[in-house]
Amino acid sequence: MQNPARYLVVIDAAGEMLARMFDAQRKLMVDFDASSSEVAIMTQGLVSTRTAAATEWDAALAGHSAREREQAEVYLLDL
């Protein structure tokens, strides 16, 4: 059984906005286009934080630049 998604990160990836879902251990579950309607539905009523530059995201977002990580929106999803 797969762990539930805990985080949704909306991040620029070389000019394309991606939505990346991670479990509680920050293991990548899925990537998809951040302009999809699913992102709006999942984030309705949630407030993002700018915490993707924190060290706990180093491994999960290793392919992203420091600037991309600083500008990313991180949402804590309801379980």
N, C-alpha and C. Protein backbone atom coordinates (compact mmCIF):
# COMPACT_ATOMS: atom_id res chain seq x y z
N MET A 1 0.83 -1.17 0.00
CA MET A 1 0.00 0.00 0.00
C MET A 1 0.89 1.25 0.00
N GLN A 2 0.56 2.22 -0.81
CA GLN A 2 1.33 3.45 -0.93
C GLN A 2 0.94 4.43 0.17
N ASN A 3 1.95 5.15 0.68
CA ASN A 3 1.69 6.18 1.68
C ASN A 3 0.88 7.31 1.06
N PRO A 4 0.09 8.00 1.86
CA PRO A 4 -0.67 9.14 1.33
C PRO A 4 0.25 10.32 1.05
N ALA A 5 -0.17 11.16 0.12
CA ALA A 5 0.57 12.38 -0.18
C ALA A 5 0.46 13.33 1.00
N ARG A 6 1.56 13.95 1.36
CA ARG A 6 1.58 14.87 2.49
C ARG A 6 1.92 16.30 2.04
N TYR A 7 2.74 16.42 1.00
CA TYR A 7 3.18 17.72 0.53
C TYR A 7 2.90 17.87 -0.96
N LEU A 8 2.53 19.06 -1.35
CA LEU A 8 2.41 19.43 -2.75
C LEU A 8 3.35 20.62 -2.95
N VAL A 9 4.30 20.46 -3.84
CA VAL A 9 5.27 21.51 -4.13
C VAL A 9 5.03 21.99 -5.56
N VAL A 10 4.78 23.28 -5.69
CA VAL A 10 4.64 23.91 -7.01
C VAL A 10 5.95 24.64 -7.25
N ILE A 11 6.66 24.19 -8.29
CA ILE A 11 8.03 24.68 -8.50
C ILE A 11 8.31 24.87 -9.98
N ASP A 12 9.10 25.88 -10.28
CA ASP A 12 9.55 26.14 -11.64
C ASP A 12 10.64 25.12 -11.97
N ALA A 13 10.52 24.51 -13.14
CA ALA A 13 11.53 23.57 -13.61
C ALA A 13 11.95 24.02 -15.00
N ALA A 14 12.96 24.87 -15.06
CA ALA A 14 13.47 25.39 -16.34
C ALA A 14 12.38 26.07 -17.14
N GLY A 15 11.57 26.89 -16.48
CA GLY A 15 10.54 27.66 -17.15
C GLY A 15 9.17 27.00 -17.21
N GLU A 16 9.06 25.79 -16.77
CA GLU A 16 7.77 25.08 -16.75
C GLU A 16 7.37 24.86 -15.29
N MET A 17 6.14 25.24 -14.95
CA MET A 17 5.68 25.05 -13.57
C MET A 17 5.21 23.61 -13.38
N LEU A 18 5.79 22.95 -12.40
CA LEU A 18 5.44 21.57 -12.07
C LEU A 18 4.80 21.50 -10.70
N ALA A 19 3.90 20.57 -10.54
CA ALA A 19 3.36 20.20 -9.24
C ALA A 19 3.98 18.85 -8.90
N ARG A 20 4.59 18.77 -7.77
CA ARG A 20 5.25 17.53 -7.34
C ARG A 20 4.66 17.12 -6.00
N MET A 21 4.18 15.91 -5.92
CA MET A 21 3.60 15.41 -4.67
C MET A 21 4.59 14.47 -3.98
N PHE A 22 4.70 14.66 -2.66
CA PHE A 22 5.62 13.88 -1.85
C PHE A 22 4.88 13.28 -0.66
N ASP A 23 5.37 12.13 -0.18
CA ASP A 23 4.80 11.56 1.04
C ASP A 23 5.45 12.23 2.25
N ALA A 24 5.14 11.77 3.44
CA ALA A 24 5.63 12.40 4.67
C ALA A 24 7.15 12.35 4.80
N GLN A 25 7.79 11.36 4.15
CA GLN A 25 9.25 11.24 4.18
C GLN A 25 9.90 12.01 3.03
N ARG A 26 9.09 12.78 2.31
CA ARG A 26 9.52 13.58 1.17
C ARG A 26 10.02 12.71 0.02
N LYS A 27 9.40 11.58 -0.14
CA LYS A 27 9.67 10.70 -1.28
C LYS A 27 8.70 11.10 -2.39
N LEU A 28 9.25 11.34 -3.59
CA LEU A 28 8.42 11.76 -4.71
C LEU A 28 7.40 10.69 -5.07
N MET A 29 6.16 11.13 -5.22
CA MET A 29 5.08 10.22 -5.60
C MET A 29 4.68 10.43 -7.06
N VAL A 30 4.53 11.70 -7.47
CA VAL A 30 4.09 12.00 -8.83
C VAL A 30 4.43 13.45 -9.19
N ASP A 31 4.68 13.67 -10.48
CA ASP A 31 4.86 15.02 -11.05
C ASP A 31 3.74 15.25 -12.04
N PHE A 32 3.24 16.48 -12.13
CA PHE A 32 2.27 16.82 -13.17
C PHE A 32 2.28 18.33 -13.39
N ASP A 33 1.61 18.76 -14.44
CA ASP A 33 1.55 20.16 -14.83
C ASP A 33 0.84 20.97 -13.75
N ALA A 34 1.50 22.00 -13.24
CA ALA A 34 0.93 22.80 -12.15
C ALA A 34 -0.27 23.63 -12.59
N SER A 35 -0.49 23.77 -13.89
CA SER A 35 -1.65 24.55 -14.35
C SER A 35 -2.91 23.70 -14.43
N SER A 36 -2.82 22.44 -14.05
CA SER A 36 -4.00 21.57 -14.10
C SER A 36 -5.01 21.96 -13.03
N SER A 37 -6.25 21.63 -13.28
CA SER A 37 -7.32 21.97 -12.32
C SER A 37 -7.16 21.24 -10.99
N GLU A 38 -6.46 20.12 -10.99
CA GLU A 38 -6.26 19.36 -9.75
C GLU A 38 -5.50 20.18 -8.71
N VAL A 39 -4.55 20.99 -9.16
CA VAL A 39 -3.78 21.81 -8.22
C VAL A 39 -4.69 22.81 -7.53
N ALA A 40 -5.56 23.45 -8.28
CA ALA A 40 -6.49 24.41 -7.69
C ALA A 40 -7.41 23.74 -6.68
N ILE A 41 -7.85 22.54 -6.99
CA ILE A 41 -8.75 21.80 -6.08
C ILE A 41 -8.01 21.39 -4.81
N MET A 42 -6.80 20.85 -4.96
CA MET A 42 -6.04 20.37 -3.80
C MET A 42 -5.60 21.49 -2.88
N THR A 43 -5.39 22.69 -3.43
CA THR A 43 -4.87 23.79 -2.61
C THR A 43 -5.95 24.75 -2.13
N GLN A 44 -7.18 24.48 -2.48
CA GLN A 44 -8.27 25.35 -2.06
C GLN A 44 -8.32 25.44 -0.53
N GLY A 45 -8.23 26.65 -0.03
CA GLY A 45 -8.28 26.87 1.42
C GLY A 45 -6.95 26.68 2.13
N LEU A 46 -5.90 26.27 1.41
CA LEU A 46 -4.59 26.07 2.02
C LEU A 46 -3.71 27.28 1.77
N VAL A 47 -2.77 27.51 2.66
CA VAL A 47 -1.80 28.59 2.51
C VAL A 47 -0.43 27.96 2.30
N SER A 48 0.25 28.39 1.25
CA SER A 48 1.57 27.84 0.98
C SER A 48 2.63 28.50 1.84
N THR A 49 3.73 27.81 1.99
CA THR A 49 4.90 28.37 2.66
C THR A 49 6.05 28.32 1.68
N ARG A 50 7.07 29.07 1.94
CA ARG A 50 8.26 29.09 1.09
C ARG A 50 9.38 28.34 1.82
N THR A 51 9.20 27.06 1.96
CA THR A 51 10.17 26.28 2.74
C THR A 51 10.95 25.27 1.91
N ALA A 52 10.87 25.33 0.59
CA ALA A 52 11.57 24.34 -0.23
C ALA A 52 13.07 24.56 -0.24
N ALA A 53 13.54 25.67 0.30
CA ALA A 53 14.98 25.92 0.39
C ALA A 53 15.56 25.32 1.67
N ALA A 54 14.72 24.84 2.57
CA ALA A 54 15.18 24.27 3.83
C ALA A 54 15.90 22.93 3.57
N THR A 55 16.79 22.58 4.46
CA THR A 55 17.62 21.39 4.27
C THR A 55 16.82 20.10 4.15
N GLU A 56 15.64 20.03 4.76
CA GLU A 56 14.86 18.80 4.67
C GLU A 56 14.39 18.50 3.24
N TRP A 57 14.47 19.50 2.36
CA TRP A 57 14.08 19.32 0.95
C TRP A 57 15.29 19.06 0.04
N ASP A 58 16.50 19.03 0.59
CA ASP A 58 17.71 18.88 -0.24
C ASP A 58 17.65 17.65 -1.14
N ALA A 59 17.38 16.50 -0.61
CA ALA A 59 17.37 15.27 -1.42
C ALA A 59 16.18 15.24 -2.37
N ALA A 60 15.03 15.62 -1.89
CA ALA A 60 13.81 15.53 -2.70
C ALA A 60 13.84 16.47 -3.90
N LEU A 61 14.46 17.63 -3.75
CA LEU A 61 14.48 18.63 -4.81
C LEU A 61 15.90 18.87 -5.33
N ALA A 62 16.73 17.85 -5.29
CA ALA A 62 18.14 17.98 -5.68
C ALA A 62 18.32 18.46 -7.12
N GLY A 63 17.39 18.18 -8.00
CA GLY A 63 17.52 18.58 -9.39
C GLY A 63 17.14 20.02 -9.66
N HIS A 64 16.70 20.73 -8.66
CA HIS A 64 16.27 22.12 -8.82
C HIS A 64 17.34 23.08 -8.31
N SER A 65 17.40 24.23 -8.93
CA SER A 65 18.36 25.25 -8.51
C SER A 65 17.92 25.86 -7.17
N ALA A 66 18.85 26.55 -6.54
CA ALA A 66 18.53 27.22 -5.28
C ALA A 66 17.44 28.26 -5.50
N ARG A 67 17.48 28.97 -6.62
CA ARG A 67 16.46 29.98 -6.93
C ARG A 67 15.09 29.34 -7.11
N GLU A 68 15.03 28.23 -7.83
CA GLU A 68 13.75 27.53 -8.01
C GLU A 68 13.19 27.08 -6.67
N ARG A 69 14.05 26.57 -5.82
CA ARG A 69 13.60 26.11 -4.51
C ARG A 69 13.12 27.25 -3.63
N GLU A 70 13.81 28.39 -3.68
CA GLU A 70 13.42 29.55 -2.88
C GLU A 70 12.06 30.09 -3.30
N GLN A 71 11.73 29.99 -4.57
CA GLN A 71 10.48 30.52 -5.08
C GLN A 71 9.35 29.50 -5.10
N ALA A 72 9.64 28.27 -4.75
CA ALA A 72 8.62 27.22 -4.76
C ALA A 72 7.55 27.47 -3.69
N GLU A 73 6.36 26.99 -3.98
CA GLU A 73 5.26 27.04 -3.01
C GLU A 73 5.08 25.63 -2.46
N VAL A 74 5.10 25.49 -1.14
CA VAL A 74 4.94 24.19 -0.50
C VAL A 74 3.62 24.18 0.28
N TYR A 75 2.79 23.21 -0.03
CA TYR A 75 1.51 23.06 0.65
C TYR A 75 1.53 21.79 1.49
N LEU A 76 1.08 21.90 2.71
CA LEU A 76 0.90 20.75 3.59
C LEU A 76 -0.52 20.26 3.37
N LEU A 77 -0.65 19.05 2.85
CA LEU A 77 -1.97 18.52 2.52
C LEU A 77 -2.62 17.88 3.73
N ASP A 78 -3.92 17.99 3.80
CA ASP A 78 -4.68 17.35 4.87
C ASP A 78 -4.67 15.84 4.66
N LEU A 79 -4.48 15.12 5.74
CA LEU A 79 -4.51 13.64 5.65
C LEU A 79 -5.87 13.12 5.96
